[in-house]
C-alpha atoms as a PDB file:
ATOM      1  CA  MET A   1      -0.054  -0.063  -0.021  1.00  0.00           C
ATOM      2  CA  VAL A   2       1.127   3.486  -0.766  1.00  0.00           C
ATOM      3  CA  TYR A   3       0.576   6.510   1.433  1.00  0.00           C
ATOM      4  CA  ARG A   4       0.791  10.018   0.633  1.00  0.00           C
ATOM      5  CA  PHE A   5       2.132  12.532   3.317  1.00  0.00           C
ATOM      6  CA  VAL A   6       2.177  16.472   2.972  1.00  0.00           C
ATOM      7  CA  ASP A   7       3.858  18.552   5.859  1.00  0.00           C
ATOM      8  CA  THR A   8       2.923  21.825   6.739  1.00  0.00           C
ATOM      9  CA  ASP A   9       5.635  23.158   3.994  1.00  0.00           C
ATOM     10  CA  GLY A  10       3.625  21.645   1.439  1.00  0.00           C
ATOM     11  CA  HIS A  11       6.047  19.066   0.685  1.00  0.00           C
ATOM     12  CA  THR A  12       4.708  15.647  -0.273  1.00  0.00           C
ATOM     13  CA  MET A  13       6.309  12.436   0.693  1.00  0.00           C
ATOM     14  CA  TYR A  14       5.336   8.747  -0.569  1.00  0.00           C
ATOM     15  CA  VAL A  15       6.032   5.946   1.665  1.00  0.00           C
ATOM     16  CA  GLY A  16       5.090   2.223   0.413  1.00  0.00           C
ATOM     17  CA  SER A  17       4.819  -0.071   2.910  1.00  0.00           C
ATOM     18  CA  SER A  18       3.801  -3.881   3.014  1.00  0.00           C
ATOM     19  CA  PHE A  19       2.081  -3.436   6.245  1.00  0.00           C
ATOM     20  CA  GLU A  20      -1.565  -4.382   6.131  1.00  0.00           C
ATOM     21  CA  ASN A  21      -4.446  -3.261   8.081  1.00  0.00           C
ATOM     22  CA  LYS A  22      -2.334  -0.244   9.234  1.00  0.00           C
ATOM     23  CA  THR A  23      -3.967   3.459   9.507  1.00  0.00           C
ATOM     24  CA  ALA A  24      -1.925   6.419   7.984  1.00  0.00           C
ATOM     25  CA  GLN A  25      -1.167   7.682  11.656  1.00  0.00           C
ATOM     26  CA  GLU A  26       0.794   4.395  12.394  1.00  0.00           C
ATOM     27  CA  ILE A  27       2.776   4.288   9.132  1.00  0.00           C
ATOM     28  CA  GLN A  28       3.781   8.097   9.784  1.00  0.00           C
ATOM     29  CA  ALA A  29       4.749   7.072  13.409  1.00  0.00           C
ATOM     30  CA  PHE A  30       6.821   4.200  12.093  1.00  0.00           C
ATOM     31  CA  VAL A  31       8.512   6.282   9.412  1.00  0.00           C
ATOM     32  CA  GLN A  32       9.502   8.965  12.273  1.00  0.00           C
ATOM     33  CA  LYS A  33      11.060   6.140  14.400  1.00  0.00           C
ATOM     34  CA  ARG A  34      12.876   4.791  11.299  1.00  0.00           C
ATOM     35  CA  TRP A  35      14.191   8.345  10.552  1.00  0.00           C
ATOM     36  CA  ALA A  36      15.465   8.833  14.136  1.00  0.00           C
ATOM     37  CA  ILE A  37      17.451   5.549  13.688  1.00  0.00           C
ATOM     38  CA  GLU A  38      18.908   6.811  10.528  1.00  0.00           C
ATOM     39  CA  VAL A  39      19.978  10.009  12.014  1.00  0.00           C
ATOM     40  CA  PHE A  40      21.522   8.131  14.976  1.00  0.00           C
ATOM     41  CA  HIS A  41      23.711   5.928  12.714  1.00  0.00           C
ATOM     42  CA  ARG A  42      24.589   9.256  10.551  1.00  0.00           C
ATOM     43  CA  GLU A  43      26.002  10.796  13.683  1.00  0.00           C
ATOM     44  CA  LEU A  44      27.651   7.962  14.833  1.00  0.00           C
ATOM     45  CA  LYS A  45      29.494   7.695  11.634  1.00  0.00           C
ATOM     46  CA  GLN A  46      30.429  11.354  11.068  1.00  0.00           C
ATOM     47  CA  THR A  47      31.247  12.386  14.693  1.00  0.00           C
ATOM     48  CA  CYS A  48      32.348   9.472  16.539  1.00  0.00           C
ATOM     49  CA  GLY A  49      34.512   8.116  13.569  1.00  0.00           C
ATOM     50  CA  LEU A  50      32.377   4.882  13.295  1.00  0.00           C
ATOM     51  CA  ALA A  51      33.184   4.777   9.491  1.00  0.00           C
ATOM     52  CA  ARG A  52      36.893   5.243   9.592  1.00  0.00           C
ATOM     53  CA  TYR A  53      37.928   2.490  11.829  1.00  0.00           C
ATOM     54  CA  GLN A  54      39.768  -0.523  10.378  1.00  0.00           C
ATOM     55  CA  ALA A  55      39.990  -3.741  12.310  1.00  0.00           C
ATOM     56  CA  ARG A  56      40.510  -7.290  11.754  1.00  0.00           C
ATOM     57  CA  THR A  57      39.180  -8.990  14.434  1.00  0.00           C
ATOM     58  CA  SER A  58      35.305  -9.027  15.338  1.00  0.00           C
ATOM     59  CA  ARG A  59      36.195  -8.245  19.007  1.00  0.00           C
ATOM     60  CA  ALA A  60      37.783  -5.080  18.054  1.00  0.00           C
ATOM     61  CA  GLN A  61      35.283  -4.007  15.762  1.00  0.00           C
ATOM     62  CA  ARG A  62      32.712  -4.608  18.328  1.00  0.00           C
ATOM     63  CA  ASN A  63      34.733  -2.545  21.124  1.00  0.00           C
ATOM     64  CA  HIS A  64      34.991   0.279  18.740  1.00  0.00           C
ATOM     65  CA  ILE A  65      31.383   0.229  18.038  1.00  0.00           C
ATOM     66  CA  ALA A  66      30.316  -0.161  21.841  1.00  0.00           C
ATOM     67  CA  LEU A  67      32.890   3.042  22.506  1.00  0.00           C
ATOM     68  CA  SER A  68      31.561   4.801  19.650  1.00  0.00           C
ATOM     69  CA  ILE A  69      27.939   4.682  20.907  1.00  0.00           C
ATOM     70  CA  LEU A  70      29.096   5.634  24.573  1.00  0.00           C
ATOM     71  CA  ALA A  71      31.144   8.753  22.962  1.00  0.00           C
ATOM     72  CA  TRP A  72      27.923   9.814  21.114  1.00  0.00           C
ATOM     73  CA  MET A  73      25.877   9.465  24.043  1.00  0.00           C
ATOM     74  CA  GLY A  74      28.205  11.594  26.102  1.00  0.00           C
ATOM     75  CA  LEU A  75      27.882  14.378  23.374  1.00  0.00           C
END
C-alpha cells in the first residue's frame, strides 16, 4: 500500500509499505522512528569516527562500536 503525506510546508512524501491493516497515523509514526534511527547512524559515523575504523578482529570491531555509542551518548 502507498501512503501520501503532506507536511506543513507543502512538501509531499510517498511511503510504500507491506504492512497490512495499518492506518496512515501508524505508518507515519513508524517512518518517524525509522528516520530517528537513520540520524543516529549518520551521527555515529560522522562525529564518532565509526566509518573510519579499520580492524581485523570482530572483537576489536565490537569494542569500537560500543565505545562510539558511549561517546555519542556523552555528546
